[in-house]
Protein backbone atom coordinates (compact mmCIF):
# COMPACT_ATOMS: atom_id res chain seq x y z
CA MET A 1 0.00 0.00 0.00
CA GLY A 2 1.38 3.43 -0.92
CA THR A 3 1.84 6.20 1.60
CA ARG A 4 1.56 9.83 0.51
CA LYS A 5 4.81 11.68 1.09
CA GLY A 6 4.82 14.24 -1.69
CA SER A 7 3.10 14.84 -4.99
CA SER A 8 5.96 13.23 -6.90
CA ASP A 9 5.15 9.94 -5.11
CA LEU A 10 1.77 9.64 -6.83
CA PRO A 11 1.56 7.14 -9.69
CA LEU A 12 0.44 8.66 -12.97
CA ARG A 13 -2.38 6.38 -14.15
CA PRO A 14 -5.84 6.32 -12.54
CA GLY A 15 -7.10 2.78 -12.26
CA VAL A 16 -3.68 1.35 -11.43
CA MET A 17 -2.92 3.56 -8.44
CA GLU A 18 -2.39 1.99 -5.07
CA PRO A 19 -4.40 3.22 -2.09
CA LEU A 20 -2.86 6.16 -0.28
CA GLU A 21 -2.76 6.35 3.49
CA LEU A 22 -2.43 9.32 5.82
CA ILE A 23 -2.24 9.32 9.60
CA LEU A 24 -3.41 12.71 10.87
CA HIS A 25 -3.51 14.26 14.31
CA ASP A 26 -5.71 17.05 15.61
CA GLU A 27 -3.49 19.92 14.53
CA PRO A 28 -4.02 22.97 12.30
CA THR A 29 -2.40 21.33 9.25
CA ALA A 30 -4.52 18.14 9.24
CA THR A 31 -7.33 19.24 6.92
CA GLY A 32 -4.89 21.05 4.64
CA ARG A 33 -2.82 17.88 4.22
CA LEU A 34 -5.91 15.90 3.26
CA ARG A 35 -7.08 18.55 0.79
CA ALA A 36 -3.59 18.79 -0.78
CA THR A 37 -3.47 15.01 -1.23
CA LEU A 38 -6.90 15.02 -2.86
CA ASP A 39 -5.88 17.95 -5.07
CA ASP A 40 -2.87 15.97 -6.32
CA LEU A 41 -5.12 12.99 -7.04
CA ALA A 42 -7.73 15.21 -8.72
CA ASP A 43 -4.97 16.56 -10.97
CA GLU A 44 -4.08 13.00 -12.01
CA TYR A 45 -7.74 12.33 -12.83
CA GLY A 46 -8.18 15.68 -14.56
CA LEU A 47 -11.25 16.30 -12.41
CA PRO A 48 -13.31 19.38 -13.15
CA GLU A 49 -13.33 22.00 -10.41
CA ASP A 50 -16.86 21.19 -9.18
CA GLU A 51 -16.11 17.47 -8.68
CA ARG A 52 -12.79 18.30 -7.01
CA PHE A 53 -14.50 20.74 -4.63
CA GLU A 54 -17.27 18.28 -3.70
CA LEU A 55 -14.83 15.46 -2.95
CA LYS A 56 -12.52 17.65 -0.87
CA LEU A 57 -15.37 19.18 1.14
CA ALA A 58 -17.03 15.83 1.91
CA ALA A 59 -13.70 14.26 2.94
CA THR A 60 -12.81 17.31 5.06
CA GLU A 61 -16.17 17.07 6.85
CA ALA A 62 -15.54 13.39 7.62
CA LEU A 63 -12.05 14.21 8.91
CA THR A 64 -13.25 17.13 11.03
CA ASN A 65 -15.89 14.93 12.68
CA ALA A 66 -13.32 12.20 13.30
CA LEU A 67 -10.83 14.62 14.86
CA ARG A 68 -13.55 15.93 17.18
CA GLY A 69 -14.55 12.40 18.21
CA SER A 70 -11.13 10.82 18.53
CA GLY A 71 -9.71 12.94 21.32
CA ARG A 72 -5.93 12.81 21.13
CA ASP A 73 -5.83 9.63 19.05
CA PRO A 74 -4.67 9.88 15.44
CA VAL A 75 -7.11 9.49 12.57
CA ARG A 76 -6.33 7.15 9.69
CA ILE A 77 -7.29 8.21 6.17
CA ARG A 78 -7.27 5.72 3.32
CA ILE A 79 -7.78 7.08 -0.19
CA VAL A 80 -8.67 4.45 -2.77
CA PRO A 81 -8.39 5.64 -6.39
CA GLN A 82 -10.45 3.57 -8.83
CA PRO A 83 -11.08 3.99 -12.54
CA GLU A 84 -14.66 5.14 -11.96
CA ALA A 85 -14.53 6.63 -8.44
CA ILE A 86 -12.43 7.93 -5.60
CA GLU A 87 -13.11 6.58 -2.13
CA VAL A 88 -11.96 8.23 1.07
CA GLU A 89 -12.18 6.23 4.26
CA VAL A 90 -11.76 7.99 7.61
CA VAL A 91 -11.19 5.82 10.68
CA ASP A 92 -10.94 6.99 14.29
CA ARG A 93 -11.17 5.45 17.74
CA GLY A 94 -14.21 7.42 18.84
CA PHE A 95 -17.85 6.32 18.89
CA PHE A 96 -20.42 7.99 16.71
CA ASN A 97 -24.10 7.30 16.10
CA PRO A 98 -25.03 8.79 12.71
CA ALA A 99 -28.70 8.88 13.73
CA GLN A 100 -27.79 11.45 16.39
CA GLY A 101 -25.27 13.30 14.22
CA THR A 102 -27.49 16.23 13.27
CA ASP A 103 -28.53 16.92 16.87
CA ARG A 104 -25.02 17.94 17.93
CA GLU A 105 -23.46 21.35 17.76
CA GLY A 106 -22.90 22.26 14.13
CA GLY A 107 -24.79 19.25 12.77
CA ARG A 108 -24.43 20.10 9.08
CA GLY A 109 -21.57 17.75 8.17
CA ILE A 110 -23.58 14.60 7.51
CA PRO A 111 -26.25 16.22 5.31
CA LEU A 112 -23.47 18.04 3.48
CA MET A 113 -21.52 14.83 2.82
CA LEU A 114 -24.71 13.12 1.61
CA ALA A 115 -25.38 15.97 -0.81
CA LEU A 116 -21.83 16.17 -2.21
CA VAL A 117 -20.84 12.58 -2.93
CA ASP A 118 -22.52 9.50 -4.38
CA GLU A 119 -22.15 7.23 -1.36
CA VAL A 120 -21.61 7.76 2.36
CA GLU A 121 -21.25 4.81 4.70
CA PHE A 122 -20.95 4.89 8.50
CA ALA A 123 -19.83 2.03 10.74
CA SER A 124 -19.30 2.38 14.47
CA THR A 125 -18.04 -0.38 16.76
CA ALA A 126 -16.50 -0.59 20.19
CA SER A 127 -13.07 -0.01 18.61
CA GLY A 128 -14.00 3.11 16.65
CA THR A 129 -15.84 4.70 13.76
CA ARG A 130 -15.34 4.39 10.01
CA VAL A 131 -16.82 6.82 7.50
CA ARG A 132 -16.43 6.09 3.81
CA VAL A 133 -17.30 8.64 1.15
CA ARG A 134 -17.29 7.68 -2.52
CA LYS A 135 -17.39 10.13 -5.42
CA ARG A 136 -17.93 8.75 -8.91
CA VAL A 137 -15.77 10.44 -11.51
CA THR A 138 -16.21 10.65 -15.23
CA PRO A 139 -13.11 9.55 -17.16
CA PRO A 140 -11.63 12.47 -19.12
CA GLY A 141 -12.46 10.92 -22.52
CA GLU A 142 -16.15 10.61 -21.57
CA ARG A 143 -16.72 14.15 -20.30
CA GLU A 144 -18.85 16.58 -22.21
CA SER A 145 -16.93 19.36 -23.89
CA PRO A 146 -17.82 22.82 -22.58
CA ALA A 147 -20.09 24.76 -24.93
CA LEU A 148 -18.41 27.60 -26.77
């Protein structure tokens, strides 16, 4: 499994990329590191700005929730590039009940994630919580050309 160290470490061909893994702590640079990693990947996919924005915002929301719930424990991010989608999995050691998620302070992250990406999955066990967001992407050759 590949670990993100710098943009030059990213393979060049979507569909044959290995998953990327980040371990992030609750510090000011955490969300920026995730967004930069997703930007690099979006560049490789040639994603249009709107798809790039939606993926980054949904993943950042998942990370922010995990950092709040994990206390001082690190949060593990696994980014799985696929030919037709990009998955971002966020795992922490906190407990979260998605049914109660919108009753907490803030409370807009879950509805926002659901609106921005194609799939959102929550799993919470005694050992922690996993949130997986999946954004389908259109391969560059299949995108509509902008109207002139």
